[in-house]
Amino acid sequence: MRTTGASSRWPRRAFLRRAAIAGLGLGGVGRLSLRVLGANERVSLAVMGTNGRGSDLARGFAALERAQITHICDVDERAVAKGLAAVGTRQEKRPEAVRDFREALE
């Protein structure tokens, strides 16, 4: 069976290979941006949606020397507790818990 259109130009394996290479390149850009901060000592972050992946992100960012989580945002109080627990004692200042992300933007 012969396919036509976009799928015939991009076989699945070629697409996956190129996507993986592009993903690795973007990972390098993220590391480069942390080194270019220059005069900034820390980057302040608000983590929104901490019920699953957000808690993992909060834990990872809290472990970085140049990052500080200032707010944990979620409408679910249990998810906020998970986010605060993920940050734990990994940073000096405890993040503020907010239900509305707009409070973190002020």
PDB file of N, CA and C in Angstrom:
ATOM      1  N   MET A   1       0.848  -1.187   0.000  1.00  0.00           N
ATOM      2  CA  MET A   1       0.000   0.000   0.000  1.00  0.00           C
ATOM      3  C   MET A   1       0.884   1.238   0.000  1.00  0.00           C
ATOM      4  N   ARG A   2       0.651   2.122  -0.909  1.00  0.00           N
ATOM      5  CA  ARG A   2       1.459   3.326  -1.027  1.00  0.00           C
ATOM      6  C   ARG A   2       0.690   4.505  -0.439  1.00  0.00           C
ATOM      7  N   THR A   3       1.383   5.301   0.362  1.00  0.00           N
ATOM      8  CA  THR A   3       0.737   6.468   0.970  1.00  0.00           C
ATOM      9  C   THR A   3       1.097   7.705   0.177  1.00  0.00           C
ATOM     10  N   THR A   4       0.257   8.705   0.274  1.00  0.00           N
ATOM     11  CA  THR A   4       0.510   9.963  -0.401  1.00  0.00           C
ATOM     12  C   THR A   4       0.459  11.077   0.612  1.00  0.00           C
ATOM     13  N   GLY A   5       0.954  12.232   0.224  1.00  0.00           N
ATOM     14  CA  GLY A   5       0.884  13.391   1.100  1.00  0.00           C
ATOM     15  C   GLY A   5       2.097  13.491   2.012  1.00  0.00           C
ATOM     16  N   ALA A   6       1.900  14.138   3.158  1.00  0.00           N
ATOM     17  CA  ALA A   6       2.993  14.434   4.079  1.00  0.00           C
ATOM     18  C   ALA A   6       3.622  13.187   4.666  1.00  0.00           C
ATOM     19  N   SER A   7       2.838  12.130   4.901  1.00  0.00           N
ATOM     20  CA  SER A   7       3.385  10.936   5.532  1.00  0.00           C
ATOM     21  C   SER A   7       4.393  10.235   4.647  1.00  0.00           C
ATOM     22  N   SER A   8       4.281  10.347   3.308  1.00  0.00           N
ATOM     23  CA  SER A   8       5.241   9.691   2.422  1.00  0.00           C
ATOM     24  C   SER A   8       6.570  10.440   2.403  1.00  0.00           C
ATOM     25  N   ARG A   9       6.551  11.725   2.678  1.00  0.00           N
ATOM     26  CA  ARG A   9       7.780  12.509   2.699  1.00  0.00           C
ATOM     27  C   ARG A   9       8.524  12.363   4.018  1.00  0.00           C
ATOM     28  N   TRP A  10       7.834  12.052   5.094  1.00  0.00           N
ATOM     29  CA  TRP A  10       8.431  11.934   6.423  1.00  0.00           C
ATOM     30  C   TRP A  10       8.129  10.559   7.010  1.00  0.00           C
ATOM     31  N   PRO A  11       8.954   9.575   6.711  1.00  0.00           N
ATOM     32  CA  PRO A  11       8.749   8.279   7.352  1.00  0.00           C
ATOM     33  C   PRO A  11       8.851   8.438   8.871  1.00  0.00           C
ATOM     34  N   ARG A  12       8.151   7.619   9.581  1.00  0.00           N
ATOM     35  CA  ARG A  12       8.062   7.745  11.032  1.00  0.00           C
ATOM     36  C   ARG A  12       9.436   7.741  11.708  1.00  0.00           C
ATOM     37  N   ARG A  13      10.301   6.835  11.317  1.00  0.00           N
ATOM     38  CA  ARG A  13      11.625   6.744  11.939  1.00  0.00           C
ATOM     39  C   ARG A  13      12.461   7.987  11.674  1.00  0.00           C
ATOM     40  N   ALA A  14      12.385   8.518  10.468  1.00  0.00           N
ATOM     41  CA  ALA A  14      13.131   9.738  10.145  1.00  0.00           C
ATOM     42  C   ALA A  14      12.603  10.908  10.965  1.00  0.00           C
ATOM     43  N   PHE A  15      11.288  10.972  11.097  1.00  0.00           N
ATOM     44  CA  PHE A  15      10.696  12.036  11.895  1.00  0.00           C
ATOM     45  C   PHE A  15      11.157  11.953  13.344  1.00  0.00           C
ATOM     46  N   LEU A  16      11.103  10.745  13.929  1.00  0.00           N
ATOM     47  CA  LEU A  16      11.508  10.560  15.320  1.00  0.00           C
ATOM     48  C   LEU A  16      12.982  10.891  15.515  1.00  0.00           C
ATOM     49  N   ARG A  17      13.818  10.495  14.566  1.00  0.00           N
ATOM     50  CA  ARG A  17      15.246  10.783  14.656  1.00  0.00           C
ATOM     51  C   ARG A  17      15.488  12.294  14.649  1.00  0.00           C
ATOM     52  N   ARG A  18      14.841  12.993  13.734  1.00  0.00           N
ATOM     53  CA  ARG A  18      15.021  14.451  13.641  1.00  0.00           C
ATOM     54  C   ARG A  18      14.445  15.167  14.864  1.00  0.00           C
ATOM     55  N   ALA A  19      13.327  14.677  15.379  1.00  0.00           N
ATOM     56  CA  ALA A  19      12.736  15.285  16.572  1.00  0.00           C
ATOM     57  C   ALA A  19      13.653  15.100  17.778  1.00  0.00           C
ATOM     58  N   ALA A  20      14.277  13.929  17.892  1.00  0.00           N
ATOM     59  CA  ALA A  20      15.200  13.682  19.000  1.00  0.00           C
ATOM     60  C   ALA A  20      16.415  14.594  18.907  1.00  0.00           C
ATOM     61  N   ILE A  21      16.946  14.766  17.709  1.00  0.00           N
ATOM     62  CA  ILE A  21      18.102  15.642  17.524  1.00  0.00           C
ATOM     63  C   ILE A  21      17.730  17.084  17.856  1.00  0.00           C
ATOM     64  N   ALA A  22      16.554  17.514  17.411  1.00  0.00           N
ATOM     65  CA  ALA A  22      16.093  18.871  17.720  1.00  0.00           C
ATOM     66  C   ALA A  22      15.906  19.048  19.224  1.00  0.00           C
ATOM     67  N   GLY A  23      15.380  18.041  19.898  1.00  0.00           N
ATOM     68  CA  GLY A  23      15.190  18.113  21.346  1.00  0.00           C
ATOM     69  C   GLY A  23      16.507  18.243  22.089  1.00  0.00           C
ATOM     70  N   LEU A  24      17.520  17.521  21.631  1.00  0.00           N
ATOM     71  CA  LEU A  24      18.838  17.635  22.247  1.00  0.00           C
ATOM     72  C   LEU A  24      19.404  19.030  22.049  1.00  0.00           C
ATOM     73  N   GLY A  25      19.173  19.599  20.883  1.00  0.00           N
ATOM     74  CA  GLY A  25      19.637  20.962  20.619  1.00  0.00           C
ATOM     75  C   GLY A  25      18.966  21.975  21.518  1.00  0.00           C
ATOM     76  N   LEU A  26      17.671  21.826  21.751  1.00  0.00           N
ATOM     77  CA  LEU A  26      16.966  22.749  22.636  1.00  0.00           C
ATOM     78  C   LEU A  26      17.435  22.615  24.070  1.00  0.00           C
ATOM     79  N   GLY A  27      17.811  21.416  24.483  1.00  0.00           N
ATOM     80  CA  GLY A  27      18.346  21.224  25.828  1.00  0.00           C
ATOM     81  C   GLY A  27      19.631  22.007  26.027  1.00  0.00           C
ATOM     82  N   GLY A  28      20.454  22.068  25.000  1.00  0.00           N
ATOM     83  CA  GLY A  28      21.690  22.845  25.070  1.00  0.00           C
ATOM     84  C   GLY A  28      21.420  24.326  25.163  1.00  0.00           C
ATOM     85  N   VAL A  29      20.368  24.802  24.504  1.00  0.00           N
ATOM     86  CA  VAL A  29      20.005  26.218  24.575  1.00  0.00           C
ATOM     87  C   VAL A  29      19.617  26.584  25.997  1.00  0.00           C
ATOM     88  N   GLY A  30      18.891  25.693  26.682  1.00  0.00           N
ATOM     89  CA  GLY A  30      18.499  25.963  28.070  1.00  0.00           C
ATOM     90  C   GLY A  30      19.700  26.097  28.978  1.00  0.00           C
ATOM     91  N   ARG A  31      20.702  25.240  28.791  1.00  0.00           N
ATOM     92  CA  ARG A  31      21.908  25.331  29.614  1.00  0.00           C
ATOM     93  C   ARG A  31      22.666  26.605  29.303  1.00  0.00           C
ATOM     94  N   LEU A  32      22.727  26.993  28.046  1.00  0.00           N
ATOM     95  CA  LEU A  32      23.427  28.197  27.657  1.00  0.00           C
ATOM     96  C   LEU A  32      22.774  29.424  28.278  1.00  0.00           C
ATOM     97  N   SER A  33      21.439  29.456  28.313  1.00  0.00           N
ATOM     98  CA  SER A  33      20.753  30.616  28.856  1.00  0.00           C
ATOM     99  C   SER A  33      21.026  30.787  30.343  1.00  0.00           C
ATOM    100  N   LEU A  34      21.254  29.701  31.079  1.00  0.00           N
ATOM    101  CA  LEU A  34      21.593  29.832  32.498  1.00  0.00           C
ATOM    102  C   LEU A  34      22.969  30.458  32.677  1.00  0.00           C
ATOM    103  N   ARG A  35      23.879  30.217  31.759  1.00  0.00           N
ATOM    104  CA  ARG A  35      25.214  30.778  31.865  1.00  0.00           C
ATOM    105  C   ARG A  35      25.254  32.241  31.446  1.00  0.00           C
ATOM    106  N   VAL A  36      24.309  32.692  30.652  1.00  0.00           N
ATOM    107  CA  VAL A  36      24.325  34.041  30.116  1.00  0.00           C
ATOM    108  C   VAL A  36      23.694  35.044  31.072  1.00  0.00           C
ATOM    109  N   LEU A  37      23.218  34.606  32.218  1.00  0.00           N
ATOM    110  CA  LEU A  37      22.514  35.496  33.137  1.00  0.00           C
ATOM    111  C   LEU A  37      23.332  36.698  33.546  1.00  0.00           C
ATOM    112  N   GLY A  38      24.628  36.551  33.651  1.00  0.00           N
ATOM    113  CA  GLY A  38      25.494  37.682  33.963  1.00  0.00           C
ATOM    114  C   GLY A  38      25.223  38.299  35.311  1.00  0.00           C
ATOM    115  N   ALA A  39      24.648  39.509  35.307  1.00  0.00           N
ATOM    116  CA  ALA A  39      24.467  40.265  36.536  1.00  0.00           C
ATOM    117  C   ALA A  39      23.393  39.682  37.454  1.00  0.00           C
ATOM    118  N   ASN A  40      22.506  38.899  36.928  1.00  0.00           N
ATOM    119  CA  ASN A  40      21.460  38.308  37.758  1.00  0.00           C
ATOM    120  C   ASN A  40      22.030  37.175  38.596  1.00  0.00           C
ATOM    121  N   GLU A  41      21.751  37.218  39.870  1.00  0.00           N
ATOM    122  CA  GLU A  41      22.207  36.135  40.731  1.00  0.00           C
ATOM    123  C   GLU A  41      21.238  34.969  40.704  1.00  0.00           C
ATOM    124  N   ARG A  42      19.946  35.274  40.606  1.00  0.00           N
ATOM    125  CA  ARG A  42      18.931  34.227  40.617  1.00  0.00           C
ATOM    126  C   ARG A  42      17.789  34.561  39.677  1.00  0.00           C
ATOM    127  N   VAL A  43      17.165  33.511  39.198  1.00  0.00           N
ATOM    128  CA  VAL A  43      15.954  33.642  38.401  1.00  0.00           C
ATOM    129  C   VAL A  43      14.799  33.244  39.309  1.00  0.00           C
ATOM    130  N   SER A  44      13.787  34.089  39.392  1.00  0.00           N
ATOM    131  CA  SER A  44      12.614  33.793  40.220  1.00  0.00           C
ATOM    132  C   SER A  44      11.567  33.101  39.365  1.00  0.00           C
ATOM    133  N   LEU A  45      11.002  32.014  39.901  1.00  0.00           N
ATOM    134  CA  LEU A  45      10.042  31.206  39.162  1.00  0.00           C
ATOM    135  C   LEU A  45       8.770  31.007  39.959  1.00  0.00           C
ATOM    136  N   ALA A  46       7.659  30.885  39.241  1.00  0.00           N
ATOM    137  CA  ALA A  46       6.390  30.445  39.817  1.00  0.00           C
ATOM    138  C   ALA A  46       6.032  29.150  39.107  1.00  0.00           C
ATOM    139  N   VAL A  47       5.737  28.109  39.869  1.00  0.00           N
ATOM    140  CA  VAL A  47       5.371  26.827  39.285  1.00  0.00           C
ATOM    141  C   VAL A  47       3.859  26.686  39.400  1.00  0.00           C
ATOM    142  N   MET A  48       3.208  26.473  38.254  1.00  0.00           N
ATOM    143  CA  MET A  48       1.752  26.389  38.218  1.00  0.00           C
ATOM    144  C   MET A  48       1.318  24.986  37.847  1.00  0.00           C
ATOM    145  N   GLY A  49       0.414  24.426  38.619  1.00  0.00           N
ATOM    146  CA  GLY A  49      -0.069  23.074  38.358  1.00  0.00           C
ATOM    147  C   GLY A  49       0.886  22.041  38.913  1.00  0.00           C
ATOM    148  N   THR A  50       0.831  21.803  40.200  1.00  0.00           N
ATOM    149  CA  THR A  50       1.839  20.971  40.859  1.00  0.00           C
ATOM    150  C   THR A  50       1.313  19.609  41.291  1.00  0.00           C
ATOM    151  N   ASN A  51       0.289  19.117  40.628  1.00  0.00           N
ATOM    152  CA  ASN A  51      -0.257  17.825  41.026  1.00  0.00           C
ATOM    153  C   ASN A  51       0.559  16.652  40.494  1.00  0.00           C
ATOM    154  N   GLY A  52       1.234  16.810  39.376  1.00  0.00           N
ATOM    155  CA  GLY A  52       2.004  15.715  38.784  1.00  0.00           C
ATOM    156  C   GLY A  52       3.371  16.193  38.354  1.00  0.00           C
ATOM    157  N   ARG A  53       3.478  16.490  37.061  1.00  0.00           N
ATOM    158  CA  ARG A  53       4.751  16.922  36.482  1.00  0.00           C
ATOM    159  C   ARG A  53       5.247  18.210  37.116  1.00  0.00           C
ATOM    160  N   GLY A  54       4.344  19.080  37.519  1.00  0.00           N
ATOM    161  CA  GLY A  54       4.741  20.343  38.131  1.00  0.00           C
ATOM    162  C   GLY A  54       5.552  20.152  39.399  1.00  0.00           C
ATOM    163  N   SER A  55       5.218  19.144  40.197  1.00  0.00           N
ATOM    164  CA  SER A  55       5.995  18.861  41.408  1.00  0.00           C
ATOM    165  C   SER A  55       7.414  18.431  41.056  1.00  0.00           C
ATOM    166  N   ASP A  56       7.551  17.640  39.996  1.00  0.00           N
ATOM    167  CA  ASP A  56       8.884  17.240  39.550  1.00  0.00           C
ATOM    168  C   ASP A  56       9.683  18.443  39.057  1.00  0.00           C
ATOM    169  N   LEU A  57       9.018  19.327  38.329  1.00  0.00           N
ATOM    170  CA  LEU A  57       9.691  20.539  37.865  1.00  0.00           C
ATOM    171  C   LEU A  57      10.097  21.419  39.041  1.00  0.00           C
ATOM    172  N   ALA A  58       9.216  21.562  40.025  1.00  0.00           N
ATOM    173  CA  ALA A  58       9.533  22.365  41.205  1.00  0.00           C
ATOM    174  C   ALA A  58      10.752  21.796  41.923  1.00  0.00           C
ATOM    175  N   ARG A  59      10.801  20.495  42.077  1.00  0.00           N
ATOM    176  CA  ARG A  59      11.937  19.829  42.731  1.00  0.00           C
ATOM    177  C   ARG A  59      13.230  20.089  41.949  1.00  0.00           C
ATOM    178  N   GLY A  60      13.147  19.984  40.644  1.00  0.00           N
ATOM    179  CA  GLY A  60      14.328  20.199  39.805  1.00  0.00           C
ATOM    180  C   GLY A  60      14.821  21.630  39.835  1.00  0.00           C
ATOM    181  N   PHE A  61      13.895  22.585  39.721  1.00  0.00           N
ATOM    182  CA  PHE A  61      14.294  23.988  39.758  1.00  0.00           C
ATOM    183  C   PHE A  61      14.828  24.380  41.134  1.00  0.00           C
ATOM    184  N   ALA A  62      14.244  23.855  42.193  1.00  0.00           N
ATOM    185  CA  ALA A  62      14.700  24.179  43.541  1.00  0.00           C
ATOM    186  C   ALA A  62      16.121  23.680  43.782  1.00  0.00           C
ATOM    187  N   ALA A  63      16.522  22.649  43.075  1.00  0.00           N
ATOM    188  CA  ALA A  63      17.875  22.117  43.236  1.00  0.00           C
ATOM    189  C   ALA A  63      18.918  22.961  42.513  1.00  0.00           C
ATOM    190  N   LEU A  64      18.491  23.828  41.601  1.00  0.00           N
ATOM    191  CA  LEU A  64      19.431  24.672  40.868  1.00  0.00           C
ATOM    192  C   LEU A  64      19.883  25.845  41.728  1.00  0.00           C
ATOM    193  N   GLU A  65      21.154  26.119  41.688  1.00  0.00           N
ATOM    194  CA  GLU A  65      21.722  27.190  42.504  1.00  0.00           C
ATOM    195  C   GLU A  65      21.200  28.569  42.108  1.00  0.00           C
ATOM    196  N   ARG A  66      20.998  28.791  40.823  1.00  0.00           N
ATOM    197  CA  ARG A  66      20.602  30.113  40.330  1.00  0.00           C
ATOM    198  C   ARG A  66      19.101  30.288  40.164  1.00  0.00           C
ATOM    199  N   ALA A  67      18.314  29.373  40.656  1.00  0.00           N
ATOM    200  CA  ALA A  67      16.858  29.472  40.536  1.00  0.00           C
ATOM    201  C   ALA A  67      16.231  29.509  41.918  1.00  0.00           C
ATOM    202  N   GLN A  68      15.182  30.299  42.047  1.00  0.00           N
ATOM    203  CA  GLN A  68      14.431  30.356  43.293  1.00  0.00           C
ATOM    204  C   GLN A  68      12.946  30.330  42.964  1.00  0.00           C
ATOM    205  N   ILE A  69      12.243  29.386  43.539  1.00  0.00           N
ATOM    206  CA  ILE A  69      10.801  29.300  43.331  1.00  0.00           C
ATOM    207  C   ILE A  69      10.142  30.232  44.329  1.00  0.00           C
ATOM    208  N   THR A  70       9.422  31.215  43.798  1.00  0.00           N
ATOM    209  CA  THR A  70       8.783  32.207  44.661  1.00  0.00           C
ATOM    210  C   THR A  70       7.332  31.879  44.949  1.00  0.00           C
ATOM    211  N   HIS A  71       6.672  31.167  44.018  1.00  0.00           N
ATOM    212  CA  HIS A  71       5.250  30.850  44.173  1.00  0.00           C
ATOM    213  C   HIS A  71       4.952  29.427  43.700  1.00  0.00           C
ATOM    214  N   ILE A  72       4.066  28.784  44.415  1.00  0.00           N
ATOM    215  CA  ILE A  72       3.475  27.517  43.982  1.00  0.00           C
ATOM    216  C   ILE A  72       2.003  27.826  43.738  1.00  0.00           C
ATOM    217  N   CYS A  73       1.540  27.621  42.517  1.00  0.00           N
ATOM    218  CA  CYS A  73       0.176  27.987  42.125  1.00  0.00           C
ATOM    219  C   CYS A  73      -0.631  26.755  41.731  1.00  0.00           C
ATOM    220  N   ASP A  74      -1.803  26.603  42.331  1.00  0.00           N
ATOM    221  CA  ASP A  74      -2.731  25.549  41.939  1.00  0.00           C
ATOM    222  C   ASP A  74      -4.060  25.822  42.630  1.00  0.00           C
ATOM    223  N   VAL A  75      -5.149  25.463  41.971  1.00  0.00           N
ATOM    224  CA  VAL A  75      -6.471  25.656  42.573  1.00  0.00           C
ATOM    225  C   VAL A  75      -6.766  24.586  43.619  1.00  0.00           C
ATOM    226  N   ASP A  76      -6.077  23.461  43.544  1.00  0.00           N
ATOM    227  CA  ASP A  76      -6.275  22.353  44.474  1.00  0.00           C
ATOM    228  C   ASP A  76      -5.267  22.468  45.621  1.00  0.00           C
ATOM    229  N   GLU A  77      -5.768  22.607  46.835  1.00  0.00           N
ATOM    230  CA  GLU A  77      -4.900  22.761  48.005  1.00  0.00           C
ATOM    231  C   GLU A  77      -3.971  21.563  48.188  1.00  0.00           C
ATOM    232  N   ARG A  78      -4.442  20.368  47.837  1.00  0.00           N
ATOM    233  CA  ARG A  78      -3.592  19.177  47.952  1.00  0.00           C
ATOM    234  C   ARG A  78      -2.417  19.255  46.985  1.00  0.00           C
ATOM    235  N   ALA A  79      -2.659  19.787  45.803  1.00  0.00           N
ATOM    236  CA  ALA A  79      -1.583  19.943  44.828  1.00  0.00           C
ATOM    237  C   ALA A  79      -0.585  21.001  45.283  1.00  0.00           C
ATOM    238  N   VAL A  80      -1.078  22.058  45.915  1.00  0.00           N
ATOM    239  CA  VAL A  80      -0.183  23.079  46.460  1.00  0.00           C
ATOM    240  C   VAL A  80       0.723  22.452  47.515  1.00  0.00           C
ATOM    241  N   ALA A  81       0.150  21.622  48.366  1.00  0.00           N
ATOM    242  CA  ALA A  81       0.941  20.951  49.401  1.00  0.00           C
ATOM    243  C   ALA A  81       2.008  20.058  48.770  1.00  0.00           C
ATOM    244  N   LYS A  82       1.669  19.377  47.670  1.00  0.00           N
ATOM    245  CA  LYS A  82       2.653  18.545  46.968  1.00  0.00           C
ATOM    246  C   LYS A  82       3.791  19.402  46.427  1.00  0.00           C
ATOM    247  N   GLY A  83       3.445  20.548  45.868  1.00  0.00           N
ATOM    248  CA  GLY A  83       4.465  21.443  45.324  1.00  0.00           C
ATOM    249  C   GLY A  83       5.378  21.988  46.405  1.00  0.00           C
ATOM    250  N   LEU A  84       4.789  22.386  47.529  1.00  0.00           N
ATOM    251  CA  LEU A  84       5.599  22.893  48.641  1.00  0.00           C
ATOM    252  C   LEU A  84       6.499  21.798  49.200  1.00  0.00           C
ATOM    253  N   ALA A  85       5.975  20.579  49.277  1.00  0.00           N
ATOM    254  CA  ALA A  85       6.785  19.461  49.760  1.00  0.00           C
ATOM    255  C   ALA A  85       7.918  19.149  48.786  1.00  0.00           C
ATOM    256  N   ALA A  86       7.665  19.301  47.498  1.00  0.00           N
ATOM    257  CA  ALA A  86       8.702  19.030  46.502  1.00  0.00           C
ATOM    258  C   ALA A  86       9.864  20.003  46.633  1.00  0.00           C
ATOM    259  N   VAL A  87       9.539  21.255  46.932  1.00  0.00           N
ATOM    260  CA  VAL A  87      10.595  22.249  47.123  1.00  0.00           C
ATOM    261  C   VAL A  87      11.289  21.988  48.461  1.00  0.00           C
ATOM    262  N   GLY A  88      10.489  21.681  49.489  1.00  0.00           N
ATOM    263  CA  GLY A  88      11.028  21.324  50.804  1.00  0.00           C
ATOM    264  C   GLY A  88      12.052  22.309  51.315  1.00  0.00           C
ATOM    265  N   THR A  89      13.171  21.787  51.722  1.00  0.00           N
ATOM    266  CA  THR A  89      14.249  22.624  52.273  1.00  0.00           C
ATOM    267  C   THR A  89      15.369  22.816  51.260  1.00  0.00           C
ATOM    268  N   ARG A  90      15.059  22.656  49.994  1.00  0.00           N
ATOM    269  CA  ARG A  90      16.082  22.781  48.944  1.00  0.00           C
ATOM    270  C   ARG A  90      16.479  24.227  48.678  1.00  0.00           C
ATOM    271  N   GLN A  91      15.711  25.162  49.181  1.00  0.00           N
ATOM    272  CA  GLN A  91      16.064  26.562  48.988  1.00  0.00           C
ATOM    273  C   GLN A  91      15.862  27.315  50.292  1.00  0.00           C
ATOM    274  N   GLU A  92      16.448  28.503  50.373  1.00  0.00           N
ATOM    275  CA  GLU A  92      16.439  29.278  51.605  1.00  0.00           C
ATOM    276  C   GLU A  92      15.039  29.737  52.010  1.00  0.00           C
ATOM    277  N   LYS A  93      14.315  30.295  51.058  1.00  0.00           N
ATOM    278  CA  LYS A  93      13.007  30.890  51.351  1.00  0.00           C
ATOM    279  C   LYS A  93      11.882  29.976  50.862  1.00  0.00           C
ATOM    280  N   ARG A  94      10.882  29.777  51.701  1.00  0.00           N
ATOM    281  CA  ARG A  94       9.731  28.948  51.324  1.00  0.00           C
ATOM    282  C   ARG A  94       8.866  29.706  50.313  1.00  0.00           C
ATOM    283  N   PRO A  95       8.424  29.040  49.241  1.00  0.00           N
ATOM    284  CA  PRO A  95       7.577  29.705  48.250  1.00  0.00           C
ATOM    285  C   PRO A  95       6.205  30.065  48.831  1.00  0.00           C
ATOM    286  N   GLU A  96       5.605  31.083  48.265  1.00  0.00           N
ATOM    287  CA  GLU A  96       4.259  31.489  48.660  1.00  0.00           C
ATOM    288  C   GLU A  96       3.248  30.614  47.917  1.00  0.00           C
ATOM    289  N   ALA A  97       2.258  30.134  48.609  1.00  0.00           N
ATOM    290  CA  ALA A  97       1.203  29.315  48.004  1.00  0.00           C
ATOM    291  C   ALA A  97       0.048  30.216  47.584  1.00  0.00           C
ATOM    292  N   VAL A  98      -0.334  30.142  46.304  1.00  0.00           N
ATOM    293  CA  VAL A  98      -1.446  30.939  45.792  1.00  0.00           C
ATOM    294  C   VAL A  98      -2.364  30.066  44.954  1.00  0.00           C
ATOM    295  N   ARG A  99      -3.632  30.392  44.959  1.00  0.00           N
ATOM    296  CA  ARG A  99      -4.606  29.653  44.153  1.00  0.00           C
ATOM    297  C   ARG A  99      -4.779  30.282  42.772  1.00  0.00           C
ATOM    298  N   ASP A 100      -4.592  31.579  42.670  1.00  0.00           N
ATOM    299  CA  ASP A 100      -4.758  32.303  41.415  1.00  0.00           C
ATOM    300  C   ASP A 100      -3.379  32.723  40.895  1.00  0.00           C
ATOM    301  N   PHE A 101      -2.996  32.244  39.712  1.00  0.00           N
ATOM    302  CA  PHE A 101      -1.659  32.509  39.194  1.00  0.00           C
ATOM    303  C   PHE A 101      -1.406  34.000  38.989  1.00  0.00           C
ATOM    304  N   ARG A 102      -2.466  34.791  38.842  1.00  0.00           N
ATOM    305  CA  ARG A 102      -2.281  36.224  38.633  1.00  0.00           C
ATOM    306  C   ARG A 102      -1.624  36.893  39.833  1.00  0.00           C
ATOM    307  N   GLU A 103      -1.804  36.317  41.018  1.00  0.00           N
ATOM    308  CA  GLU A 103      -1.127  36.849  42.210  1.00  0.00           C
ATOM    309  C   GLU A 103       0.379  36.685  42.101  1.00  0.00           C
ATOM    310  N   ALA A 104       0.839  35.653  41.449  1.00  0.00           N
ATOM    311  CA  ALA A 104       2.277  35.431  41.284  1.00  0.00           C
ATOM    312  C   ALA A 104       2.880  36.421  40.285  1.00  0.00           C
ATOM    313  N   LEU A 105       2.066  36.979  39.417  1.00  0.00           N
ATOM    314  CA  LEU A 105       2.559  37.901  38.403  1.00  0.00           C
ATOM    315  C   LEU A 105       2.681  39.341  38.906  1.00  0.00           C
ATOM    316  N   GLU A 106       2.139  39.606  40.061  1.00  0.00           N
ATOM    317  CA  GLU A 106       2.165  40.973  40.597  1.00  0.00           C
ATOM    318  C   GLU A 106       3.530  41.354  41.120  1.00  0.00           C
TER     319      GLU A 106
END
